[in-house]
Structure formats: C-alpha cells, structure tokens
C-alpha cells in the first residue's frame, strides 16, 4: 500500500468508524470474559464463558485485520491508536488517530513514533 493523503486518511477513518466502535465494544467484552475464564470459579458474567471468549477474540482478530488491510497500521488496541502512512512537507510521517479524537488532526515522523506527535499544520 502507498501513502495516504490527509483527505484519503480522513475518508478511510470515517469509513472505519463502525469497525473501530465494534473493536472498542468487543475489547471490553473480551477483557470481562477473559477475567472470568482466567480464574477458576471466577464471578459469572452474563456474557458467557470460554466459547463466547473464543468467538469474541476471533471477531476482534477479523476486525483488526480489516483495519490493517486498508493500509492503516493498528498500533495499539487499548486505547485504539491508528497510523496512516503519509507525508507532510516531503517528510514521511504517520497521520495519527487516537481513540476519543473526533478527527484525524495529528501526525508524527515515522522514525519518532507517538512521542513526536504534533498537530497537523
């Protein structure tokens, strides 16, 4: 996959919103189910047990693959952090979206990572 323009990355983020919302919901379910199945005799949950945990984690894997197939890079699951490879002023950057942000408004140089995050000009 090539580089995203800012417009393409914003369009892709908009298209991915339902996928990202489902990831957030399933992430919470998987954590709750994992806590229950990880402790013998753990507190019951209305979400189920091992079969439901397996189904939830399989669906999470599918959704994460869907994100990656766009050319975006899923950097973190909790919180969700998505990078779209791009360019700013001729420099390779990652256009960076963090869970809770309403728009794609940040970037960082590809070699610096999240610590070098800056608002888009």
PDB file of N, CA and C in Angstrom:
ATOM      1  N   UNK A   1       0.840  -1.175   0.000  1.00  0.00           N
ATOM      2  CA  UNK A   1       0.000   0.000   0.000  1.00  0.00           C
ATOM      3  C   UNK A   1       0.888   1.242   0.000  1.00  0.00           C
ATOM      4  N   UNK A   2       0.370   2.291  -0.613  1.00  0.00           N
ATOM      5  CA  UNK A   2       1.134   3.519  -0.689  1.00  0.00           C
ATOM      6  C   UNK A   2       0.840   4.447   0.477  1.00  0.00           C
ATOM      7  N   UNK A   3       1.205   5.689   0.261  1.00  0.00           N
ATOM      8  CA  UNK A   3       0.980   6.702   1.270  1.00  0.00           C
ATOM      9  C   UNK A   3      -0.434   7.257   1.141  1.00  0.00           C
ATOM     10  N   UNK A   4      -0.994   7.662   2.256  1.00  0.00           N
ATOM     11  CA  UNK A   4      -2.288   8.309   2.279  1.00  0.00           C
ATOM     12  C   UNK A   4      -2.089   9.817   2.192  1.00  0.00           C
ATOM     13  N   UNK A   5      -2.938  10.489   1.416  1.00  0.00           N
ATOM     14  CA  UNK A   5      -3.039  11.930   1.556  1.00  0.00           C
ATOM     15  C   UNK A   5      -3.872  12.170   2.808  1.00  0.00           C
ATOM     16  N   UNK A   6      -3.853  13.381   3.322  1.00  0.00           N
ATOM     17  CA  UNK A   6      -4.656  13.680   4.507  1.00  0.00           C
ATOM     18  C   UNK A   6      -6.141  13.423   4.217  1.00  0.00           C
ATOM     19  N   UNK A   7      -6.608  13.820   3.044  1.00  0.00           N
ATOM     20  CA  UNK A   7      -8.006  13.590   2.684  1.00  0.00           C
ATOM     21  C   UNK A   7      -8.352  12.112   2.612  1.00  0.00           C
ATOM     22  N   UNK A   8      -7.464  11.322   2.015  1.00  0.00           N
ATOM     23  CA  UNK A   8      -7.702   9.878   1.937  1.00  0.00           C
ATOM     24  C   UNK A   8      -7.721   9.243   3.317  1.00  0.00           C
ATOM     25  N   UNK A   9      -6.802   9.663   4.181  1.00  0.00           N
ATOM     26  CA  UNK A   9      -6.749   9.104   5.531  1.00  0.00           C
ATOM     27  C   UNK A   9      -8.018   9.466   6.301  1.00  0.00           C
ATOM     28  N   UNK A  10      -8.476  10.709   6.163  1.00  0.00           N
ATOM     29  CA  UNK A  10      -9.711  11.113   6.847  1.00  0.00           C
ATOM     30  C   UNK A  10     -10.914  10.338   6.317  1.00  0.00           C
ATOM     31  N   UNK A  11     -10.964  10.131   5.000  1.00  0.00           N
ATOM     32  CA  UNK A  11     -12.060   9.340   4.416  1.00  0.00           C
ATOM     33  C   UNK A  11     -12.021   7.905   4.925  1.00  0.00           C
ATOM     34  N   UNK A  12     -10.829   7.318   4.984  1.00  0.00           N
ATOM     35  CA  UNK A  12     -10.686   5.936   5.453  1.00  0.00           C
ATOM     36  C   UNK A  12     -11.066   5.835   6.928  1.00  0.00           C
ATOM     37  N   UNK A  13     -10.669   6.806   7.727  1.00  0.00           N
ATOM     38  CA  UNK A  13     -11.043   6.811   9.141  1.00  0.00           C
ATOM     39  C   UNK A  13     -12.563   6.884   9.285  1.00  0.00           C
ATOM     40  N   UNK A  14     -13.190   7.712   8.491  1.00  0.00           N
ATOM     41  CA  UNK A  14     -14.659   7.831   8.534  1.00  0.00           C
ATOM     42  C   UNK A  14     -15.305   6.494   8.165  1.00  0.00           C
ATOM     43  N   UNK A  15     -14.780   5.846   7.127  1.00  0.00           N
ATOM     44  CA  UNK A  15     -15.321   4.556   6.701  1.00  0.00           C
ATOM     45  C   UNK A  15     -15.115   3.491   7.777  1.00  0.00           C
ATOM     46  N   UNK A  16     -14.001   3.584   8.490  1.00  0.00           N
ATOM     47  CA  UNK A  16     -13.665   2.591   9.519  1.00  0.00           C
ATOM     48  C   UNK A  16     -14.380   2.814  10.850  1.00  0.00           C
ATOM     49  N   UNK A  17     -15.039   3.941  11.041  1.00  0.00           N
ATOM     50  CA  UNK A  17     -15.653   4.249  12.342  1.00  0.00           C
ATOM     51  C   UNK A  17     -16.495   3.109  12.909  1.00  0.00           C
ATOM     52  N   UNK A  18     -17.419   2.516  12.119  1.00  0.00           N
ATOM     53  CA  UNK A  18     -18.199   1.409  12.691  1.00  0.00           C
ATOM     54  C   UNK A  18     -17.330   0.230  13.117  1.00  0.00           C
ATOM     55  N   UNK A  19     -16.285  -0.057  12.370  1.00  0.00           N
ATOM     56  CA  UNK A  19     -15.355  -1.143  12.716  1.00  0.00           C
ATOM     57  C   UNK A  19     -14.649  -0.806  14.026  1.00  0.00           C
ATOM     58  N   UNK A  20     -14.187   0.428  14.153  1.00  0.00           N
ATOM     59  CA  UNK A  20     -13.471   0.848  15.355  1.00  0.00           C
ATOM     60  C   UNK A  20     -14.390   0.835  16.571  1.00  0.00           C
ATOM     61  N   UNK A  21     -15.633   1.252  16.395  1.00  0.00           N
ATOM     62  CA  UNK A  21     -16.597   1.213  17.504  1.00  0.00           C
ATOM     63  C   UNK A  21     -16.852  -0.222  17.951  1.00  0.00           C
ATOM     64  N   UNK A  22     -16.932  -1.142  16.982  1.00  0.00           N
ATOM     65  CA  UNK A  22     -17.133  -2.550  17.338  1.00  0.00           C
ATOM     66  C   UNK A  22     -15.900  -3.103  18.057  1.00  0.00           C
ATOM     67  N   UNK A  23     -14.715  -2.694  17.623  1.00  0.00           N
ATOM     68  CA  UNK A  23     -13.496  -3.135  18.301  1.00  0.00           C
ATOM     69  C   UNK A  23     -13.521  -2.698  19.763  1.00  0.00           C
ATOM     70  N   UNK A  24     -13.903  -1.460  20.022  1.00  0.00           N
ATOM     71  CA  UNK A  24     -13.935  -0.955  21.401  1.00  0.00           C
ATOM     72  C   UNK A  24     -14.912  -1.776  22.248  1.00  0.00           C
ATOM     73  N   UNK A  25     -16.089  -2.064  21.703  1.00  0.00           N
ATOM     74  CA  UNK A  25     -17.088  -2.843  22.450  1.00  0.00           C
ATOM     75  C   UNK A  25     -16.596  -4.267  22.695  1.00  0.00           C
ATOM     76  N   UNK A  26     -16.051  -4.904  21.672  1.00  0.00           N
ATOM     77  CA  UNK A  26     -15.573  -6.279  21.811  1.00  0.00           C
ATOM     78  C   UNK A  26     -14.347  -6.370  22.713  1.00  0.00           C
ATOM     79  N   UNK A  27     -13.520  -5.335  22.681  1.00  0.00           N
ATOM     80  CA  UNK A  27     -12.337  -5.295  23.544  1.00  0.00           C
ATOM     81  C   UNK A  27     -12.761  -5.393  25.013  1.00  0.00           C
ATOM     82  N   UNK A  28     -13.802  -4.649  25.373  1.00  0.00           N
ATOM     83  CA  UNK A  28     -14.309  -4.681  26.746  1.00  0.00           C
ATOM     84  C   UNK A  28     -14.902  -6.048  27.074  1.00  0.00           C
ATOM     85  N   UNK A  29     -15.679  -6.601  26.134  1.00  0.00           N
ATOM     86  CA  UNK A  29     -16.262  -7.936  26.352  1.00  0.00           C
ATOM     87  C   UNK A  29     -15.171  -8.984  26.522  1.00  0.00           C
ATOM     88  N   UNK A  30     -14.147  -8.924  25.675  1.00  0.00           N
ATOM     89  CA  UNK A  30     -13.064  -9.909  25.746  1.00  0.00           C
ATOM     90  C   UNK A  30     -12.336  -9.805  27.088  1.00  0.00           C
ATOM     91  N   UNK A  31     -12.144  -8.588  27.573  1.00  0.00           N
ATOM     92  CA  UNK A  31     -11.477  -8.416  28.869  1.00  0.00           C
ATOM     93  C   UNK A  31     -12.315  -9.014  29.989  1.00  0.00           C
ATOM     94  N   UNK A  32     -13.621  -8.768  29.956  1.00  0.00           N
ATOM     95  CA  UNK A  32     -14.502  -9.305  31.002  1.00  0.00           C
ATOM     96  C   UNK A  32     -14.559 -10.827  30.942  1.00  0.00           C
ATOM     97  N   UNK A  33     -14.729 -11.353  29.739  1.00  0.00           N
ATOM     98  CA  UNK A  33     -14.775 -12.808  29.583  1.00  0.00           C
ATOM     99  C   UNK A  33     -13.440 -13.437  29.966  1.00  0.00           C
ATOM    100  N   UNK A  34     -12.345 -12.808  29.581  1.00  0.00           N
ATOM    101  CA  UNK A  34     -11.031 -13.332  29.919  1.00  0.00           C
ATOM    102  C   UNK A  34     -10.802 -13.375  31.414  1.00  0.00           C
ATOM    103  N   UNK A  35     -11.313 -12.387  32.119  1.00  0.00           N
ATOM    104  CA  UNK A  35     -11.169 -12.371  33.574  1.00  0.00           C
ATOM    105  C   UNK A  35     -11.940 -13.523  34.198  1.00  0.00           C
ATOM    106  N   UNK A  36     -13.105 -13.822  33.646  1.00  0.00           N
ATOM    107  CA  UNK A  36     -13.943 -14.896  34.184  1.00  0.00           C
ATOM    108  C   UNK A  36     -13.315 -16.257  33.919  1.00  0.00           C
ATOM    109  N   UNK A  37     -12.848 -16.482  32.683  1.00  0.00           N
ATOM    110  CA  UNK A  37     -12.314 -17.815  32.368  1.00  0.00           C
ATOM    111  C   UNK A  37     -10.909 -17.999  32.915  1.00  0.00           C
ATOM    112  N   UNK A  38     -10.219 -16.884  33.216  1.00  0.00           N
ATOM    113  CA  UNK A  38      -8.856 -16.982  33.724  1.00  0.00           C
ATOM    114  C   UNK A  38      -8.784 -17.328  35.199  1.00  0.00           C
ATOM    115  N   UNK A  39      -9.895 -17.233  35.888  1.00  0.00           N
ATOM    116  CA  UNK A  39      -9.918 -17.504  37.327  1.00  0.00           C
ATOM    117  C   UNK A  39     -10.883 -18.653  37.573  1.00  0.00           C
ATOM    118  N   UNK A  40     -10.376 -19.761  38.095  1.00  0.00           N
ATOM    119  CA  UNK A  40     -11.244 -20.898  38.397  1.00  0.00           C
ATOM    120  C   UNK A  40     -12.299 -20.442  39.395  1.00  0.00           C
ATOM    121  N   UNK A  41     -13.531 -20.629  39.022  1.00  0.00           N
ATOM    122  CA  UNK A  41     -14.623 -20.231  39.898  1.00  0.00           C
ATOM    123  C   UNK A  41     -14.792 -18.726  39.986  1.00  0.00           C
ATOM    124  N   UNK A  42     -14.297 -18.009  38.957  1.00  0.00           N
ATOM    125  CA  UNK A  42     -14.448 -16.558  38.930  1.00  0.00           C
ATOM    126  C   UNK A  42     -15.914 -16.165  38.886  1.00  0.00           C
ATOM    127  N   UNK A  43     -16.189 -14.901  39.123  1.00  0.00           N
ATOM    128  CA  UNK A  43     -17.581 -14.472  39.151  1.00  0.00           C
ATOM    129  C   UNK A  43     -18.224 -14.654  37.780  1.00  0.00           C
ATOM    130  N   UNK A  44     -19.461 -15.108  37.745  1.00  0.00           N
ATOM    131  CA  UNK A  44     -20.126 -15.310  36.457  1.00  0.00           C
ATOM    132  C   UNK A  44     -20.387 -13.974  35.761  1.00  0.00           C
ATOM    133  N   UNK A  45     -20.498 -14.034  34.456  1.00  0.00           N
ATOM    134  CA  UNK A  45     -20.831 -12.856  33.674  1.00  0.00           C
ATOM    135  C   UNK A  45     -21.956 -13.226  32.716  1.00  0.00           C
ATOM    136  N   UNK A  46     -22.873 -12.314  32.483  1.00  0.00           N
ATOM    137  CA  UNK A  46     -23.943 -12.609  31.521  1.00  0.00           C
ATOM    138  C   UNK A  46     -23.419 -12.775  30.092  1.00  0.00           C
ATOM    139  N   UNK A  47     -22.144 -12.408  29.877  1.00  0.00           N
ATOM    140  CA  UNK A  47     -21.578 -12.538  28.540  1.00  0.00           C
ATOM    141  C   UNK A  47     -21.262 -13.982  28.187  1.00  0.00           C
ATOM    142  N   UNK A  48     -21.102 -14.860  29.180  1.00  0.00           N
ATOM    143  CA  UNK A  48     -20.835 -16.265  28.908  1.00  0.00           C
ATOM    144  C   UNK A  48     -19.508 -16.715  29.494  1.00  0.00           C
ATOM    145  N   UNK A  49     -18.857 -17.626  28.768  1.00  0.00           N
ATOM    146  CA  UNK A  49     -17.621 -18.225  29.241  1.00  0.00           C
ATOM    147  C   UNK A  49     -16.635 -18.421  28.108  1.00  0.00           C
ATOM    148  N   UNK A  50     -15.941 -19.546  28.142  1.00  0.00           N
ATOM    149  CA  UNK A  50     -14.874 -19.822  27.178  1.00  0.00           C
ATOM    150  C   UNK A  50     -15.349 -19.776  25.716  1.00  0.00           C
ATOM    151  N   UNK A  51     -16.480 -20.403  25.351  1.00  0.00           N
ATOM    152  CA  UNK A  51     -16.889 -20.342  23.945  1.00  0.00           C
ATOM    153  C   UNK A  51     -17.139 -18.905  23.473  1.00  0.00           C
ATOM    154  N   UNK A  52     -17.729 -18.093  24.341  1.00  0.00           N
ATOM    155  CA  UNK A  52     -18.011 -16.706  23.972  1.00  0.00           C
ATOM    156  C   UNK A  52     -16.716 -15.891  23.880  1.00  0.00           C
ATOM    157  N   UNK A  53     -15.753 -16.193  24.783  1.00  0.00           N
ATOM    158  CA  UNK A  53     -14.464 -15.515  24.718  1.00  0.00           C
ATOM    159  C   UNK A  53     -13.763 -15.841  23.396  1.00  0.00           C
ATOM    160  N   UNK A  54     -13.787 -17.124  23.009  1.00  0.00           N
ATOM    161  CA  UNK A  54     -13.159 -17.522  21.742  1.00  0.00           C
ATOM    162  C   UNK A  54     -13.820 -16.820  20.560  1.00  0.00           C
ATOM    163  N   UNK A  55     -15.140 -16.745  20.570  1.00  0.00           N
ATOM    164  CA  UNK A  55     -15.863 -16.079  19.480  1.00  0.00           C
ATOM    165  C   UNK A  55     -15.539 -14.583  19.451  1.00  0.00           C
ATOM    166  N   UNK A  56     -15.475 -13.980  20.622  1.00  0.00           N
ATOM    167  CA  UNK A  56     -15.187 -12.548  20.717  1.00  0.00           C
ATOM    168  C   UNK A  56     -13.778 -12.245  20.227  1.00  0.00           C
ATOM    169  N   UNK A  57     -12.809 -13.022  20.644  1.00  0.00           N
ATOM    170  CA  UNK A  57     -11.431 -12.765  20.218  1.00  0.00           C
ATOM    171  C   UNK A  57     -11.249 -13.057  18.726  1.00  0.00           C
ATOM    172  N   UNK A  58     -11.972 -14.041  18.200  1.00  0.00           N
ATOM    173  CA  UNK A  58     -11.904 -14.316  16.759  1.00  0.00           C
ATOM    174  C   UNK A  58     -12.471 -13.133  15.971  1.00  0.00           C
ATOM    175  N   UNK A  59     -13.567 -12.569  16.439  1.00  0.00           N
ATOM    176  CA  UNK A  59     -14.168 -11.413  15.767  1.00  0.00           C
ATOM    177  C   UNK A  59     -13.235 -10.205  15.865  1.00  0.00           C
ATOM    178  N   UNK A  60     -12.614 -10.028  17.020  1.00  0.00           N
ATOM    179  CA  UNK A  60     -11.636  -8.937  17.166  1.00  0.00           C
ATOM    180  C   UNK A  60     -10.499  -9.087  16.162  1.00  0.00           C
ATOM    181  N   UNK A  61      -9.987 -10.297  16.007  1.00  0.00           N
ATOM    182  CA  UNK A  61      -8.924 -10.552  15.027  1.00  0.00           C
ATOM    183  C   UNK A  61      -9.374 -10.176  13.617  1.00  0.00           C
ATOM    184  N   UNK A  62     -10.611 -10.560  13.261  1.00  0.00           N
ATOM    185  CA  UNK A  62     -11.145 -10.217  11.937  1.00  0.00           C
ATOM    186  C   UNK A  62     -11.209  -8.713  11.736  1.00  0.00           C
ATOM    187  N   UNK A  63     -11.686  -7.995  12.749  1.00  0.00           N
ATOM    188  CA  UNK A  63     -11.819  -6.538  12.639  1.00  0.00           C
ATOM    189  C   UNK A  63     -10.452  -5.861  12.559  1.00  0.00           C
ATOM    190  N   UNK A  64      -9.492  -6.345  13.342  1.00  0.00           N
ATOM    191  CA  UNK A  64      -8.149  -5.768  13.292  1.00  0.00           C
ATOM    192  C   UNK A  64      -7.515  -6.013  11.923  1.00  0.00           C
ATOM    193  N   UNK A  65      -7.760  -7.178  11.346  1.00  0.00           N
ATOM    194  CA  UNK A  65      -7.263  -7.471  10.000  1.00  0.00           C
ATOM    195  C   UNK A  65      -7.906  -6.530   8.985  1.00  0.00           C
ATOM    196  N   UNK A  66      -9.195  -6.263   9.151  1.00  0.00           N
ATOM    197  CA  UNK A  66      -9.888  -5.340   8.244  1.00  0.00           C
ATOM    198  C   UNK A  66      -9.247  -3.955   8.283  1.00  0.00           C
ATOM    199  N   UNK A  67      -8.890  -3.487   9.459  1.00  0.00           N
ATOM    200  CA  UNK A  67      -8.217  -2.189   9.581  1.00  0.00           C
ATOM    201  C   UNK A  67      -6.874  -2.236   8.859  1.00  0.00           C
ATOM    202  N   UNK A  68      -6.088  -3.265   9.102  1.00  0.00           N
ATOM    203  CA  UNK A  68      -4.745  -3.373   8.515  1.00  0.00           C
ATOM    204  C   UNK A  68      -4.807  -3.481   6.988  1.00  0.00           C
ATOM    205  N   UNK A  69      -5.858  -4.108   6.454  1.00  0.00           N
ATOM    206  CA  UNK A  69      -5.957  -4.289   5.008  1.00  0.00           C
ATOM    207  C   UNK A  69      -6.174  -2.975   4.262  1.00  0.00           C
ATOM    208  N   UNK A  70      -6.539  -1.925   4.969  1.00  0.00           N
ATOM    209  CA  UNK A  70      -6.714  -0.626   4.325  1.00  0.00           C
ATOM    210  C   UNK A  70      -5.375   0.045   4.051  1.00  0.00           C
ATOM    211  N   UNK A  71      -4.317  -0.448   4.679  1.00  0.00           N
ATOM    212  CA  UNK A  71      -3.016   0.200   4.601  1.00  0.00           C
ATOM    213  C   UNK A  71      -2.713   0.982   5.867  1.00  0.00           C
ATOM    214  N   UNK A  72      -3.725   1.157   6.716  1.00  0.00           N
ATOM    215  CA  UNK A  72      -3.509   1.790   8.015  1.00  0.00           C
ATOM    216  C   UNK A  72      -2.795   0.791   8.928  1.00  0.00           C
ATOM    217  N   UNK A  73      -2.169   1.306   9.968  1.00  0.00           N
ATOM    218  CA  UNK A  73      -1.435   0.457  10.897  1.00  0.00           C
ATOM    219  C   UNK A  73      -2.072   0.594  12.275  1.00  0.00           C
ATOM    220  N   UNK A  74      -2.544  -0.533  12.783  1.00  0.00           N
ATOM    221  CA  UNK A  74      -3.121  -0.565  14.126  1.00  0.00           C
ATOM    222  C   UNK A  74      -1.966  -0.671  15.108  1.00  0.00           C
ATOM    223  N   UNK A  75      -1.663   0.438  15.805  1.00  0.00           N
ATOM    224  CA  UNK A  75      -0.502   0.498  16.685  1.00  0.00           C
ATOM    225  C   UNK A  75      -0.814   0.048  18.103  1.00  0.00           C
ATOM    226  N   UNK A  76      -2.061   0.223  18.525  1.00  0.00           N
ATOM    227  CA  UNK A  76      -2.433  -0.131  19.889  1.00  0.00           C
ATOM    228  C   UNK A  76      -3.915  -0.467  19.921  1.00  0.00           C
ATOM    229  N   UNK A  77      -4.259  -1.433  20.756  1.00  0.00           N
ATOM    230  CA  UNK A  77      -5.651  -1.844  20.893  1.00  0.00           C
ATOM    231  C   UNK A  77      -6.344  -1.121  22.043  1.00  0.00           C
ATOM    232  N   UNK A  78      -5.598  -0.804  23.091  1.00  0.00           N
ATOM    233  CA  UNK A  78      -6.204  -0.142  24.248  1.00  0.00           C
ATOM    234  C   UNK A  78      -5.245   0.908  24.793  1.00  0.00           C
ATOM    235  N   UNK A  79      -5.470   2.157  24.488  1.00  0.00           N
ATOM    236  CA  UNK A  79      -6.521   2.695  23.628  1.00  0.00           C
ATOM    237  C   UNK A  79      -6.192   2.430  22.158  1.00  0.00           C
ATOM    238  N   UNK A  80      -7.214   2.495  21.327  1.00  0.00           N
ATOM    239  CA  UNK A  80      -7.011   2.325  19.892  1.00  0.00           C
ATOM    240  C   UNK A  80      -6.119   3.441  19.378  1.00  0.00           C
ATOM    241  N   UNK A  81      -5.118   3.064  18.627  1.00  0.00           N
ATOM    242  CA  UNK A  81      -4.208   4.025  18.008  1.00  0.00           C
ATOM    243  C   UNK A  81      -3.967   3.539  16.586  1.00  0.00           C
ATOM    244  N   UNK A  82      -4.326   4.378  15.626  1.00  0.00           N
ATOM    245  CA  UNK A  82      -4.216   4.027  14.211  1.00  0.00           C
ATOM    246  C   UNK A  82      -3.310   5.043  13.528  1.00  0.00           C
ATOM    247  N   UNK A  83      -2.341   4.551  12.765  1.00  0.00           N
ATOM    248  CA  UNK A  83      -1.473   5.406  11.956  1.00  0.00           C
ATOM    249  C   UNK A  83      -1.755   5.157  10.481  1.00  0.00           C
ATOM    250  N   UNK A  84      -1.796   6.248   9.725  1.00  0.00           N
ATOM    251  CA  UNK A  84      -1.942   6.193   8.278  1.00  0.00           C
ATOM    252  C   UNK A  84      -0.639   6.735   7.694  1.00  0.00           C
ATOM    253  N   UNK A  85       0.167   5.896   7.038  1.00  0.00           N
ATOM    254  CA  UNK A  85       1.418   6.382   6.461  1.00  0.00           C
ATOM    255  C   UNK A  85       1.138   7.500   5.452  1.00  0.00           C
ATOM    256  N   UNK A  86       1.860   8.594   5.587  1.00  0.00           N
ATOM    257  CA  UNK A  86       1.648   9.743   4.709  1.00  0.00           C
ATOM    258  C   UNK A  86       2.894  10.595   4.621  1.00  0.00           C
ATOM    259  N   UNK A  87       2.664  11.824   4.212  1.00  0.00           N
ATOM    260  CA  UNK A  87       3.752  12.770   4.022  1.00  0.00           C
ATOM    261  C   UNK A  87       3.299  14.151   4.466  1.00  0.00           C
ATOM    262  N   UNK A  88       4.161  14.880   5.128  1.00  0.00           N
ATOM    263  CA  UNK A  88       3.919  16.288   5.445  1.00  0.00           C
ATOM    264  C   UNK A  88       5.189  17.036   5.063  1.00  0.00           C
ATOM    265  N   UNK A  89       5.038  17.999   4.179  1.00  0.00           N
ATOM    266  CA  UNK A  89       6.170  18.807   3.717  1.00  0.00           C
ATOM    267  C   UNK A  89       7.324  17.943   3.216  1.00  0.00           C
ATOM    268  N   UNK A  90       7.004  16.854   2.491  1.00  0.00           N
ATOM    269  CA  UNK A  90       8.022  15.996   1.902  1.00  0.00           C
ATOM    270  C   UNK A  90       8.694  15.031   2.862  1.00  0.00           C
ATOM    271  N   UNK A  91       8.219  14.978   4.096  1.00  0.00           N
ATOM    272  CA  UNK A  91       8.800  14.086   5.104  1.00  0.00           C
ATOM    273  C   UNK A  91       7.830  12.940   5.364  1.00  0.00           C
ATOM    274  N   UNK A  92       8.345  11.708   5.425  1.00  0.00           N
ATOM    275  CA  UNK A  92       7.495  10.560   5.748  1.00  0.00           C
ATOM    276  C   UNK A  92       6.993  10.693   7.173  1.00  0.00           C
ATOM    277  N   UNK A  93       5.688  10.618   7.316  1.00  0.00           N
ATOM    278  CA  UNK A  93       5.054  10.737   8.631  1.00  0.00           C
ATOM    279  C   UNK A  93       3.964   9.690   8.749  1.00  0.00           C
ATOM    280  N   UNK A  94       3.464   9.554   9.952  1.00  0.00           N
ATOM    281  CA  UNK A  94       2.260   8.777  10.193  1.00  0.00           C
ATOM    282  C   UNK A  94       1.191   9.754  10.642  1.00  0.00           C
ATOM    283  N   UNK A  95       0.096   9.807   9.884  1.00  0.00           N
ATOM    284  CA  UNK A  95      -1.073  10.580  10.277  1.00  0.00           C
ATOM    285  C   UNK A  95      -1.736   9.759  11.365  1.00  0.00           C
ATOM    286  N   UNK A  96      -1.922  10.344  12.523  1.00  0.00           N
ATOM    287  CA  UNK A  96      -2.137   9.589  13.748  1.00  0.00           C
ATOM    288  C   UNK A  96      -3.510   9.887  14.360  1.00  0.00           C
ATOM    289  N   UNK A  97      -4.289   8.847  14.604  1.00  0.00           N
ATOM    290  CA  UNK A  97      -5.591   8.973  15.265  1.00  0.00           C
ATOM    291  C   UNK A  97      -5.582   8.141  16.538  1.00  0.00           C
ATOM    292  N   UNK A  98      -6.043   8.749  17.623  1.00  0.00           N
ATOM    293  CA  UNK A  98      -6.123   8.108  18.919  1.00  0.00           C
ATOM    294  C   UNK A  98      -7.588   8.028  19.345  1.00  0.00           C
ATOM    295  N   UNK A  99      -7.974   6.889  19.868  1.00  0.00           N
ATOM    296  CA  UNK A  99      -9.344   6.688  20.352  1.00  0.00           C
ATOM    297  C   UNK A  99      -9.796   7.896  21.174  1.00  0.00           C
ATOM    298  N   UNK A 100     -11.006   8.352  20.877  1.00  0.00           N
ATOM    299  CA  UNK A 100     -11.581   9.501  21.574  1.00  0.00           C
ATOM    300  C   UNK A 100     -11.464  10.792  20.782  1.00  0.00           C
ATOM    301  N   UNK A 101     -10.567  10.830  19.797  1.00  0.00           N
ATOM    302  CA  UNK A 101     -10.439  12.029  18.971  1.00  0.00           C
ATOM    303  C   UNK A 101     -11.539  12.028  17.910  1.00  0.00           C
ATOM    304  N   UNK A 102     -12.058  13.200  17.627  1.00  0.00           N
ATOM    305  CA  UNK A 102     -13.154  13.297  16.671  1.00  0.00           C
ATOM    306  C   UNK A 102     -12.678  13.346  15.229  1.00  0.00           C
ATOM    307  N   UNK A 103     -11.420  13.738  15.029  1.00  0.00           N
ATOM    308  CA  UNK A 103     -10.908  13.880  13.669  1.00  0.00           C
ATOM    309  C   UNK A 103      -9.448  13.430  13.636  1.00  0.00           C
ATOM    310  N   UNK A 104      -8.949  13.291  12.445  1.00  0.00           N
ATOM    311  CA  UNK A 104      -7.543  12.976  12.237  1.00  0.00           C
ATOM    312  C   UNK A 104      -6.809  14.304  12.198  1.00  0.00           C
ATOM    313  N   UNK A 105      -6.212  14.710  13.320  1.00  0.00           N
ATOM    314  CA  UNK A 105      -5.618  16.029  13.417  1.00  0.00           C
ATOM    315  C   UNK A 105      -4.173  16.034  13.877  1.00  0.00           C
ATOM    316  N   UNK A 106      -3.531  14.869  13.915  1.00  0.00           N
ATOM    317  CA  UNK A 106      -2.173  14.765  14.437  1.00  0.00           C
ATOM    318  C   UNK A 106      -1.292  13.955  13.494  1.00  0.00           C
ATOM    319  N   UNK A 107      -0.003  14.143  13.618  1.00  0.00           N
ATOM    320  CA  UNK A 107       0.969  13.345  12.874  1.00  0.00           C
ATOM    321  C   UNK A 107       2.238  13.239  13.698  1.00  0.00           C
ATOM    322  N   UNK A 108       3.083  12.303  13.313  1.00  0.00           N
ATOM    323  CA  UNK A 108       4.428  12.229  13.878  1.00  0.00           C
ATOM    324  C   UNK A 108       5.348  11.670  12.818  1.00  0.00           C
ATOM    325  N   UNK A 109       6.603  12.065  12.876  1.00  0.00           N
ATOM    326  CA  UNK A 109       7.575  11.489  11.947  1.00  0.00           C
ATOM    327  C   UNK A 109       7.599   9.987  12.161  1.00  0.00           C
ATOM    328  N   UNK A 110       7.729   9.268  11.091  1.00  0.00           N
ATOM    329  CA  UNK A 110       7.705   7.803  11.162  1.00  0.00           C
ATOM    330  C   UNK A 110       8.803   7.262  12.059  1.00  0.00           C
ATOM    331  N   UNK A 111       9.931   7.938  12.108  1.00  0.00           N
ATOM    332  CA  UNK A 111      11.051   7.446  12.916  1.00  0.00           C
ATOM    333  C   UNK A 111      10.952   7.845  14.387  1.00  0.00           C
ATOM    334  N   UNK A 112      10.020   8.718  14.731  1.00  0.00           N
ATOM    335  CA  UNK A 112       9.905   9.177  16.118  1.00  0.00           C
ATOM    336  C   UNK A 112       8.776   8.504  16.892  1.00  0.00           C
ATOM    337  N   UNK A 113       7.752   8.081  16.203  1.00  0.00           N
ATOM    338  CA  UNK A 113       6.629   7.447  16.881  1.00  0.00           C
ATOM    339  C   UNK A 113       5.784   8.444  17.661  1.00  0.00           C
ATOM    340  N   UNK A 114       4.921   7.895  18.520  1.00  0.00           N
ATOM    341  CA  UNK A 114       3.910   8.671  19.228  1.00  0.00           C
ATOM    342  C   UNK A 114       4.512   9.810  20.054  1.00  0.00           C
ATOM    343  N   UNK A 115       5.694   9.615  20.588  1.00  0.00           N
ATOM    344  CA  UNK A 115       6.323  10.656  21.413  1.00  0.00           C
ATOM    345  C   UNK A 115       6.573  11.940  20.625  1.00  0.00           C
ATOM    346  N   UNK A 116       6.707  11.835  19.301  1.00  0.00           N
ATOM    347  CA  UNK A 116       6.939  13.002  18.457  1.00  0.00           C
ATOM    348  C   UNK A 116       5.657  13.565  17.855  1.00  0.00           C
ATOM    349  N   UNK A 117       4.525  13.236  18.410  1.00  0.00           N
ATOM    350  CA  UNK A 117       3.209  13.611  17.879  1.00  0.00           C
ATOM    351  C   UNK A 117       3.014  15.130  17.907  1.00  0.00           C
ATOM    352  N   UNK A 118       2.535  15.661  16.776  1.00  0.00           N
ATOM    353  CA  UNK A 118       2.291  17.105  16.629  1.00  0.00           C
ATOM    354  C   UNK A 118       0.943  17.320  15.933  1.00  0.00           C
ATOM    355  N   UNK A 119       0.309  18.472  16.196  1.00  0.00           N
ATOM    356  CA  UNK A 119      -0.921  18.782  15.460  1.00  0.00           C
ATOM    357  C   UNK A 119      -0.601  19.014  13.989  1.00  0.00           C
ATOM    358  N   UNK A 120      -1.506  18.599  13.128  1.00  0.00           N
ATOM    359  CA  UNK A 120      -1.314  18.839  11.699  1.00  0.00           C
ATOM    360  C   UNK A 120      -1.335  20.335  11.421  1.00  0.00           C
ATOM    361  N   UNK A 121      -0.488  20.782  10.474  1.00  0.00           N
ATOM    362  CA  UNK A 121      -0.469  22.222  10.146  1.00  0.00           C
ATOM    363  C   UNK A 121      -1.767  22.636   9.474  1.00  0.00           C
TER     364      UNK A 121
END
